[in-house]
Amino acid sequence: MAASDRPGGLTALSVLNGFFALTVGGTTIQRFMTSYDLMEVVEGEFQGRRRYRGYLQSLLDEGVTPWDMQILALIGLVATLLLSVSIWGLLKRSNLVGRWLGTLGGIALAAFYLLSINWLPDTILRGSGLSIARQLFYPFFLIFMLHVIFRRDFLFHPGRSG
């Protein structure tokens, strides 16, 4: 049975892309804000709450730098943009926009999660083991779905754009 005989598959995949784009987008905003707060703590100009200042100082003590947070945020921004644009491509069955930007979005998403696990201390990652497992599973699931399950939908669609 061809994937095109199962209506809604690409629509469901685009909804999942939207969900993960939103979650990574929110985390990206948090990483950018934390990086600027870390810079203020390093410069001695932070005027926030004492408890939050202690949290930021503990991040610095564990080796997290503002640049680490900004690099993670930049990768998260790229993943968010790629996944967001791929939603439209999946709905239009576009080989270039849907399949390949979705693939690049999956790679950026995997890089974002793997670098977060490697760079961030356990205090940030604590209590999110199942969430991390789900987040690491989805990029590989997305790439598998795009290149194995829905391959024919992109390659043999008469109105494809790529």
N, C-alpha and C. Protein backbone atom coordinates (compact mmCIF):
# COMPACT_ATOMS: atom_id res chain seq x y z
N MET A 1 0.84 -1.17 0.00
CA MET A 1 0.00 0.00 0.00
C MET A 1 0.89 1.24 0.00
N ALA A 2 0.68 2.10 -0.94
CA ALA A 2 1.49 3.32 -1.05
C ALA A 2 1.13 4.28 0.07
N ALA A 3 2.10 5.11 0.43
CA ALA A 3 1.86 6.08 1.49
C ALA A 3 0.76 7.05 1.10
N SER A 4 0.63 7.34 -0.18
CA SER A 4 -0.41 8.27 -0.62
C SER A 4 -1.81 7.66 -0.48
N ASP A 5 -1.91 6.35 -0.33
CA ASP A 5 -3.19 5.70 -0.11
C ASP A 5 -3.64 5.82 1.35
N ARG A 6 -2.76 6.30 2.19
CA ARG A 6 -3.10 6.50 3.60
C ARG A 6 -3.22 8.01 3.83
N PRO A 7 -4.39 8.58 3.69
CA PRO A 7 -4.53 10.03 3.80
C PRO A 7 -4.18 10.52 5.20
N GLY A 8 -3.56 11.66 5.26
CA GLY A 8 -3.27 12.28 6.53
C GLY A 8 -1.89 12.01 7.07
N GLY A 9 -1.10 11.17 6.44
CA GLY A 9 0.23 10.87 6.97
C GLY A 9 1.15 12.07 6.96
N LEU A 10 1.22 12.76 5.85
CA LEU A 10 2.06 13.95 5.77
C LEU A 10 1.49 15.09 6.61
N THR A 11 0.17 15.13 6.71
CA THR A 11 -0.46 16.14 7.57
C THR A 11 -0.09 15.90 9.03
N ALA A 12 -0.14 14.66 9.45
CA ALA A 12 0.24 14.33 10.82
C ALA A 12 1.71 14.63 11.07
N LEU A 13 2.55 14.34 10.10
CA LEU A 13 3.98 14.64 10.24
C LEU A 13 4.21 16.15 10.31
N SER A 14 3.44 16.91 9.55
CA SER A 14 3.59 18.37 9.61
C SER A 14 3.11 18.92 10.95
N VAL A 15 2.08 18.30 11.54
CA VAL A 15 1.63 18.72 12.87
C VAL A 15 2.72 18.43 13.90
N LEU A 16 3.35 17.27 13.80
CA LEU A 16 4.46 16.95 14.71
C LEU A 16 5.61 17.93 14.53
N ASN A 17 5.92 18.28 13.28
CA ASN A 17 6.97 19.27 13.03
C ASN A 17 6.61 20.60 13.70
N GLY A 18 5.35 20.98 13.59
CA GLY A 18 4.91 22.22 14.23
C GLY A 18 5.05 22.16 15.74
N PHE A 19 4.67 21.03 16.33
CA PHE A 19 4.80 20.86 17.78
C PHE A 19 6.26 20.98 18.21
N PHE A 20 7.15 20.28 17.52
CA PHE A 20 8.56 20.33 17.91
C PHE A 20 9.19 21.68 17.58
N ALA A 21 8.72 22.35 16.54
CA ALA A 21 9.22 23.70 16.25
C ALA A 21 8.83 24.65 17.39
N LEU A 22 7.62 24.51 17.90
CA LEU A 22 7.19 25.36 19.02
C LEU A 22 7.99 25.07 20.29
N THR A 23 8.20 23.80 20.60
CA THR A 23 8.94 23.48 21.82
C THR A 23 10.39 23.93 21.73
N VAL A 24 11.01 23.72 20.58
CA VAL A 24 12.40 24.17 20.43
C VAL A 24 12.46 25.69 20.39
N GLY A 25 11.45 26.32 19.79
CA GLY A 25 11.41 27.78 19.76
C GLY A 25 11.34 28.37 21.16
N GLY A 26 10.52 27.78 22.02
CA GLY A 26 10.43 28.24 23.40
C GLY A 26 11.74 28.05 24.15
N THR A 27 12.35 26.90 23.97
CA THR A 27 13.64 26.64 24.61
C THR A 27 14.71 27.58 24.07
N THR A 28 14.64 27.90 22.79
CA THR A 28 15.60 28.82 22.18
C THR A 28 15.50 30.20 22.81
N ILE A 29 14.29 30.68 23.00
CA ILE A 29 14.11 31.99 23.64
C ILE A 29 14.69 31.96 25.05
N GLN A 30 14.45 30.87 25.78
CA GLN A 30 14.98 30.73 27.13
C GLN A 30 16.51 30.74 27.12
N ARG A 31 17.12 30.04 26.16
CA ARG A 31 18.58 29.99 26.09
C ARG A 31 19.17 31.38 25.80
N PHE A 32 18.53 32.13 24.88
CA PHE A 32 19.01 33.49 24.60
C PHE A 32 18.91 34.37 25.84
N MET A 33 17.79 34.31 26.55
CA MET A 33 17.61 35.14 27.74
C MET A 33 18.62 34.75 28.82
N THR A 34 18.83 33.46 29.01
CA THR A 34 19.79 33.00 30.02
C THR A 34 21.20 33.43 29.65
N SER A 35 21.54 33.41 28.36
CA SER A 35 22.89 33.81 27.96
C SER A 35 23.15 35.28 28.31
N TYR A 36 22.15 36.14 28.10
CA TYR A 36 22.34 37.56 28.44
C TYR A 36 22.38 37.77 29.94
N ASP A 37 21.60 37.01 30.69
CA ASP A 37 21.67 37.09 32.15
C ASP A 37 23.02 36.60 32.65
N LEU A 38 23.56 35.55 32.03
CA LEU A 38 24.90 35.07 32.41
C LEU A 38 25.96 36.12 32.13
N MET A 39 25.82 36.83 31.00
CA MET A 39 26.78 37.91 30.70
C MET A 39 26.72 39.00 31.75
N GLU A 40 25.52 39.34 32.22
CA GLU A 40 25.40 40.36 33.26
C GLU A 40 26.01 39.89 34.57
N VAL A 41 25.86 38.62 34.90
CA VAL A 41 26.47 38.09 36.12
C VAL A 41 27.99 38.14 36.02
N VAL A 42 28.53 37.77 34.86
CA VAL A 42 29.98 37.79 34.66
C VAL A 42 30.51 39.22 34.80
N GLU A 43 29.77 40.19 34.26
CA GLU A 43 30.19 41.59 34.33
C GLU A 43 29.86 42.24 35.66
N GLY A 44 29.12 41.56 36.53
CA GLY A 44 28.76 42.09 37.83
C GLY A 44 27.63 43.11 37.79
N GLU A 45 26.83 43.10 36.75
CA GLU A 45 25.77 44.09 36.59
C GLU A 45 24.38 43.50 36.75
N PHE A 46 24.26 42.26 37.19
CA PHE A 46 22.95 41.62 37.26
C PHE A 46 22.18 42.17 38.46
N GLN A 47 20.95 42.62 38.23
CA GLN A 47 20.13 43.23 39.27
C GLN A 47 18.88 42.41 39.58
N GLY A 48 18.86 41.16 39.21
CA GLY A 48 17.68 40.32 39.38
C GLY A 48 17.54 39.77 40.79
N ARG A 49 16.62 38.82 40.93
CA ARG A 49 16.36 38.20 42.22
C ARG A 49 17.59 37.42 42.70
N ARG A 50 17.74 37.34 44.00
CA ARG A 50 18.90 36.69 44.58
C ARG A 50 18.93 35.20 44.27
N ARG A 51 17.76 34.55 44.31
CA ARG A 51 17.71 33.11 44.04
C ARG A 51 18.11 32.83 42.58
N TYR A 52 17.60 33.65 41.65
CA TYR A 52 17.94 33.47 40.23
C TYR A 52 19.42 33.76 39.99
N ARG A 53 19.96 34.76 40.71
CA ARG A 53 21.39 35.05 40.59
C ARG A 53 22.22 33.85 41.06
N GLY A 54 21.78 33.20 42.14
CA GLY A 54 22.46 32.01 42.62
C GLY A 54 22.42 30.88 41.61
N TYR A 55 21.27 30.75 40.94
CA TYR A 55 21.13 29.74 39.89
C TYR A 55 22.10 30.02 38.75
N LEU A 56 22.15 31.28 38.32
CA LEU A 56 23.06 31.65 37.23
C LEU A 56 24.52 31.45 37.64
N GLN A 57 24.84 31.79 38.87
CA GLN A 57 26.21 31.59 39.35
C GLN A 57 26.56 30.11 39.39
N SER A 58 25.59 29.26 39.75
CA SER A 58 25.86 27.82 39.76
C SER A 58 26.11 27.31 38.34
N LEU A 59 25.40 27.88 37.35
CA LEU A 59 25.67 27.50 35.95
C LEU A 59 27.10 27.88 35.57
N LEU A 60 27.51 29.08 35.95
CA LEU A 60 28.88 29.51 35.64
C LEU A 60 29.90 28.64 36.36
N ASP A 61 29.61 28.27 37.60
CA ASP A 61 30.52 27.41 38.37
C ASP A 61 30.65 26.02 37.75
N GLU A 62 29.60 25.56 37.07
CA GLU A 62 29.64 24.25 36.44
C GLU A 62 30.22 24.30 35.03
N GLY A 63 30.67 25.46 34.60
CA GLY A 63 31.36 25.57 33.32
C GLY A 63 30.52 26.03 32.14
N VAL A 64 29.27 26.39 32.38
CA VAL A 64 28.43 26.89 31.28
C VAL A 64 28.78 28.35 31.04
N THR A 65 29.05 28.68 29.79
CA THR A 65 29.37 30.07 29.45
C THR A 65 28.21 30.68 28.67
N PRO A 66 28.15 32.01 28.63
CA PRO A 66 27.11 32.65 27.81
C PRO A 66 27.20 32.23 26.34
N TRP A 67 28.41 31.98 25.87
CA TRP A 67 28.57 31.57 24.47
C TRP A 67 27.98 30.19 24.22
N ASP A 68 28.09 29.28 25.20
CA ASP A 68 27.46 27.97 25.07
C ASP A 68 25.95 28.11 24.87
N MET A 69 25.36 28.96 25.70
CA MET A 69 23.91 29.16 25.60
C MET A 69 23.53 29.81 24.28
N GLN A 70 24.35 30.74 23.80
CA GLN A 70 24.03 31.40 22.53
C GLN A 70 24.19 30.45 21.34
N ILE A 71 25.19 29.58 21.39
CA ILE A 71 25.35 28.60 20.31
C ILE A 71 24.16 27.64 20.30
N LEU A 72 23.76 27.17 21.49
CA LEU A 72 22.58 26.30 21.56
C LEU A 72 21.34 27.02 21.05
N ALA A 73 21.20 28.28 21.42
CA ALA A 73 20.04 29.05 20.97
C ALA A 73 20.06 29.25 19.46
N LEU A 74 21.22 29.48 18.90
CA LEU A 74 21.32 29.67 17.45
C LEU A 74 20.96 28.38 16.70
N ILE A 75 21.46 27.24 17.20
CA ILE A 75 21.11 25.95 16.58
C ILE A 75 19.61 25.69 16.74
N GLY A 76 19.06 26.03 17.89
CA GLY A 76 17.63 25.88 18.10
C GLY A 76 16.81 26.77 17.18
N LEU A 77 17.30 27.98 16.93
CA LEU A 77 16.61 28.89 16.01
C LEU A 77 16.61 28.33 14.59
N VAL A 78 17.75 27.79 14.17
CA VAL A 78 17.84 27.17 12.84
C VAL A 78 16.87 25.99 12.74
N ALA A 79 16.85 25.14 13.77
CA ALA A 79 15.94 23.99 13.76
C ALA A 79 14.49 24.45 13.72
N THR A 80 14.16 25.48 14.49
CA THR A 80 12.79 26.00 14.51
C THR A 80 12.38 26.51 13.14
N LEU A 81 13.25 27.28 12.51
CA LEU A 81 12.92 27.83 11.19
C LEU A 81 12.78 26.74 10.14
N LEU A 82 13.71 25.79 10.14
CA LEU A 82 13.64 24.71 9.16
C LEU A 82 12.39 23.85 9.33
N LEU A 83 12.08 23.50 10.57
CA LEU A 83 10.88 22.70 10.81
C LEU A 83 9.61 23.48 10.47
N SER A 84 9.61 24.77 10.77
CA SER A 84 8.43 25.59 10.47
C SER A 84 8.19 25.69 8.97
N VAL A 85 9.24 25.93 8.20
CA VAL A 85 9.09 26.03 6.75
C VAL A 85 8.74 24.67 6.15
N SER A 86 9.28 23.61 6.73
CA SER A 86 8.99 22.28 6.18
C SER A 86 7.53 21.88 6.34
N ILE A 87 6.82 22.50 7.28
CA ILE A 87 5.39 22.22 7.44
C ILE A 87 4.66 22.50 6.14
N TRP A 88 4.91 23.66 5.59
CA TRP A 88 4.27 24.04 4.32
C TRP A 88 4.68 23.08 3.21
N GLY A 89 5.97 22.74 3.16
CA GLY A 89 6.45 21.82 2.13
C GLY A 89 5.84 20.43 2.25
N LEU A 90 5.64 19.96 3.48
CA LEU A 90 5.01 18.64 3.66
C LEU A 90 3.57 18.66 3.19
N LEU A 91 2.88 19.73 3.49
CA LEU A 91 1.48 19.81 3.06
C LEU A 91 1.35 19.94 1.55
N LYS A 92 2.35 20.55 0.90
CA LYS A 92 2.34 20.69 -0.55
C LYS A 92 3.06 19.54 -1.26
N ARG A 93 3.61 18.61 -0.49
CA ARG A 93 4.38 17.48 -1.02
C ARG A 93 5.57 17.94 -1.86
N SER A 94 6.20 18.99 -1.41
CA SER A 94 7.37 19.53 -2.10
C SER A 94 8.62 18.76 -1.68
N ASN A 95 9.34 18.23 -2.67
CA ASN A 95 10.54 17.45 -2.38
C ASN A 95 11.60 18.32 -1.71
N LEU A 96 11.83 19.51 -2.24
CA LEU A 96 12.87 20.38 -1.69
C LEU A 96 12.45 20.96 -0.35
N VAL A 97 11.33 21.63 -0.31
CA VAL A 97 10.92 22.34 0.91
C VAL A 97 10.44 21.37 1.99
N GLY A 98 9.66 20.39 1.62
CA GLY A 98 9.13 19.47 2.62
C GLY A 98 10.13 18.43 3.07
N ARG A 99 10.65 17.70 2.12
CA ARG A 99 11.51 16.56 2.44
C ARG A 99 12.90 17.01 2.90
N TRP A 100 13.55 17.86 2.14
CA TRP A 100 14.94 18.18 2.45
C TRP A 100 15.09 19.21 3.56
N LEU A 101 14.20 20.20 3.63
CA LEU A 101 14.25 21.11 4.77
C LEU A 101 13.81 20.40 6.04
N GLY A 102 12.88 19.45 5.92
CA GLY A 102 12.52 18.63 7.07
C GLY A 102 13.69 17.78 7.54
N THR A 103 14.46 17.26 6.59
CA THR A 103 15.65 16.47 6.95
C THR A 103 16.68 17.35 7.65
N LEU A 104 16.94 18.52 7.09
CA LEU A 104 17.90 19.44 7.73
C LEU A 104 17.38 19.89 9.10
N GLY A 105 16.07 20.10 9.20
CA GLY A 105 15.49 20.44 10.49
C GLY A 105 15.66 19.32 11.51
N GLY A 106 15.51 18.07 11.06
CA GLY A 106 15.72 16.93 11.95
C GLY A 106 17.17 16.83 12.41
N ILE A 107 18.10 17.10 11.50
CA ILE A 107 19.52 17.07 11.87
C ILE A 107 19.83 18.19 12.86
N ALA A 108 19.31 19.39 12.60
CA ALA A 108 19.53 20.51 13.52
C ALA A 108 18.90 20.23 14.87
N LEU A 109 17.74 19.61 14.87
CA LEU A 109 17.05 19.25 16.11
C LEU A 109 17.88 18.24 16.92
N ALA A 110 18.39 17.23 16.24
CA ALA A 110 19.24 16.24 16.92
C ALA A 110 20.50 16.89 17.47
N ALA A 111 21.11 17.78 16.69
CA ALA A 111 22.31 18.49 17.17
C ALA A 111 21.98 19.34 18.39
N PHE A 112 20.84 20.01 18.36
CA PHE A 112 20.42 20.84 19.49
C PHE A 112 20.29 20.01 20.76
N TYR A 113 19.62 18.87 20.66
CA TYR A 113 19.41 18.03 21.84
C TYR A 113 20.70 17.38 22.32
N LEU A 114 21.51 16.88 21.39
CA LEU A 114 22.76 16.23 21.79
C LEU A 114 23.73 17.22 22.42
N LEU A 115 23.84 18.41 21.85
CA LEU A 115 24.72 19.42 22.45
C LEU A 115 24.19 19.89 23.79
N SER A 116 22.87 19.97 23.93
CA SER A 116 22.30 20.33 25.23
C SER A 116 22.68 19.30 26.29
N ILE A 117 22.59 18.03 25.93
CA ILE A 117 22.94 16.97 26.87
C ILE A 117 24.43 17.03 27.23
N ASN A 118 25.27 17.30 26.24
CA ASN A 118 26.71 17.33 26.48
C ASN A 118 27.17 18.58 27.22
N TRP A 119 26.57 19.72 26.95
CA TRP A 119 27.08 20.98 27.50
C TRP A 119 26.42 21.41 28.80
N LEU A 120 25.14 21.12 28.95
CA LEU A 120 24.43 21.64 30.11
C LEU A 120 24.58 20.72 31.30
N PRO A 121 24.65 21.30 32.49
CA PRO A 121 24.81 20.47 33.70
C PRO A 121 23.52 19.72 34.04
N ASP A 122 23.67 18.77 34.93
CA ASP A 122 22.53 17.95 35.34
C ASP A 122 21.43 18.76 36.01
N THR A 123 21.78 19.92 36.60
CA THR A 123 20.77 20.73 37.27
C THR A 123 19.71 21.22 36.29
N ILE A 124 20.07 21.44 35.04
CA ILE A 124 19.10 21.86 34.04
C ILE A 124 18.37 20.65 33.48
N LEU A 125 19.07 19.55 33.30
CA LEU A 125 18.49 18.37 32.66
C LEU A 125 17.76 17.44 33.63
N ARG A 126 17.88 17.68 34.93
CA ARG A 126 17.30 16.81 35.94
C ARG A 126 15.78 16.72 35.78
N GLY A 127 15.26 15.53 35.89
CA GLY A 127 13.82 15.32 35.83
C GLY A 127 13.24 15.34 34.43
N SER A 128 14.11 15.36 33.43
CA SER A 128 13.59 15.44 32.06
C SER A 128 14.08 14.27 31.22
N GLY A 129 14.35 13.14 31.86
CA GLY A 129 14.88 11.99 31.13
C GLY A 129 13.96 11.48 30.04
N LEU A 130 12.68 11.34 30.35
CA LEU A 130 11.72 10.88 29.34
C LEU A 130 11.56 11.92 28.24
N SER A 131 11.57 13.18 28.63
CA SER A 131 11.45 14.25 27.64
C SER A 131 12.64 14.23 26.69
N ILE A 132 13.83 14.03 27.21
CA ILE A 132 15.03 13.97 26.37
C ILE A 132 14.97 12.76 25.45
N ALA A 133 14.51 11.63 25.97
CA ALA A 133 14.39 10.43 25.13
C ALA A 133 13.42 10.67 23.98
N ARG A 134 12.30 11.32 24.27
CA ARG A 134 11.32 11.64 23.23
C ARG A 134 11.92 12.62 22.22
N GLN A 135 12.63 13.60 22.71
CA GLN A 135 13.21 14.62 21.84
C GLN A 135 14.31 14.04 20.96
N LEU A 136 15.05 13.09 21.47
CA LEU A 136 16.08 12.46 20.65
C LEU A 136 15.49 11.48 19.65
N PHE A 137 14.36 10.89 19.99
CA PHE A 137 13.73 9.93 19.09
C PHE A 137 13.13 10.63 17.87
N TYR A 138 12.51 11.78 18.06
CA TYR A 138 11.77 12.40 16.96
C TYR A 138 12.62 12.76 15.75
N PRO A 139 13.81 13.35 15.89
CA PRO A 139 14.56 13.68 14.67
C PRO A 139 14.85 12.46 13.80
N PHE A 140 15.19 11.34 14.42
CA PHE A 140 15.47 10.14 13.65
C PHE A 140 14.19 9.55 13.05
N PHE A 141 13.10 9.63 13.79
CA PHE A 141 11.80 9.21 13.29
C PHE A 141 11.40 10.06 12.08
N LEU A 142 11.60 11.37 12.17
CA LEU A 142 11.27 12.28 11.07
C LEU A 142 12.06 11.95 9.81
N ILE A 143 13.36 11.77 9.96
CA ILE A 143 14.20 11.46 8.80
C ILE A 143 13.81 10.12 8.20
N PHE A 144 13.54 9.13 9.04
CA PHE A 144 13.09 7.82 8.54
C PHE A 144 11.78 7.95 7.78
N MET A 145 10.84 8.67 8.33
CA MET A 145 9.54 8.84 7.67
C MET A 145 9.69 9.55 6.33
N LEU A 146 10.52 10.59 6.28
CA LEU A 146 10.66 11.36 5.04
C LEU A 146 11.36 10.57 3.94
N HIS A 147 12.35 9.76 4.31
CA HIS A 147 13.17 9.09 3.30
C HIS A 147 12.80 7.63 3.04
N VAL A 148 11.96 7.05 3.88
CA VAL A 148 11.57 5.66 3.66
C VAL A 148 10.06 5.55 3.43
N ILE A 149 9.29 5.97 4.38
CA ILE A 149 7.84 5.78 4.30
C ILE A 149 7.20 6.67 3.24
N PHE A 150 7.53 7.95 3.23
CA PHE A 150 6.88 8.89 2.32
C PHE A 150 7.74 9.24 1.11
N ARG A 151 8.73 8.45 0.81
CA ARG A 151 9.63 8.71 -0.32
C ARG A 151 8.86 8.86 -1.63
N ARG A 152 7.95 7.96 -1.89
CA ARG A 152 7.20 7.99 -3.16
C ARG A 152 6.29 9.21 -3.26
N ASP A 153 5.77 9.66 -2.15
CA ASP A 153 4.90 10.84 -2.19
C ASP A 153 5.65 12.07 -2.69
N PHE A 154 6.92 12.15 -2.38
CA PHE A 154 7.70 13.31 -2.82
C PHE A 154 8.23 13.11 -4.23
N LEU A 155 8.66 11.91 -4.56
CA LEU A 155 9.31 11.69 -5.85
C LEU A 155 8.34 11.59 -7.01
N PHE A 156 7.14 11.11 -6.78
CA PHE A 156 6.21 10.89 -7.88
C PHE A 156 5.00 11.80 -7.86
N HIS A 157 5.06 12.85 -7.09
CA HIS A 157 3.93 13.79 -7.04
C HIS A 157 4.00 14.70 -8.26
N PRO A 158 2.94 14.82 -9.05
CA PRO A 158 2.99 15.57 -10.30
C PRO A 158 3.28 17.06 -10.12
N GLY A 159 2.92 17.64 -9.01
CA GLY A 159 3.14 19.08 -8.82
C GLY A 159 4.34 19.39 -7.95
N ARG A 160 5.29 18.48 -7.91
CA ARG A 160 6.43 18.69 -7.00
C ARG A 160 7.30 19.84 -7.48
N SER A 161 8.00 20.45 -6.53
CA SER A 161 8.81 21.62 -6.86
C SER A 161 10.26 21.41 -6.48
N GLY A 162 10.85 20.32 -6.82
CA GLY A 162 12.25 20.17 -6.47
C GLY A 162 12.81 18.86 -6.77
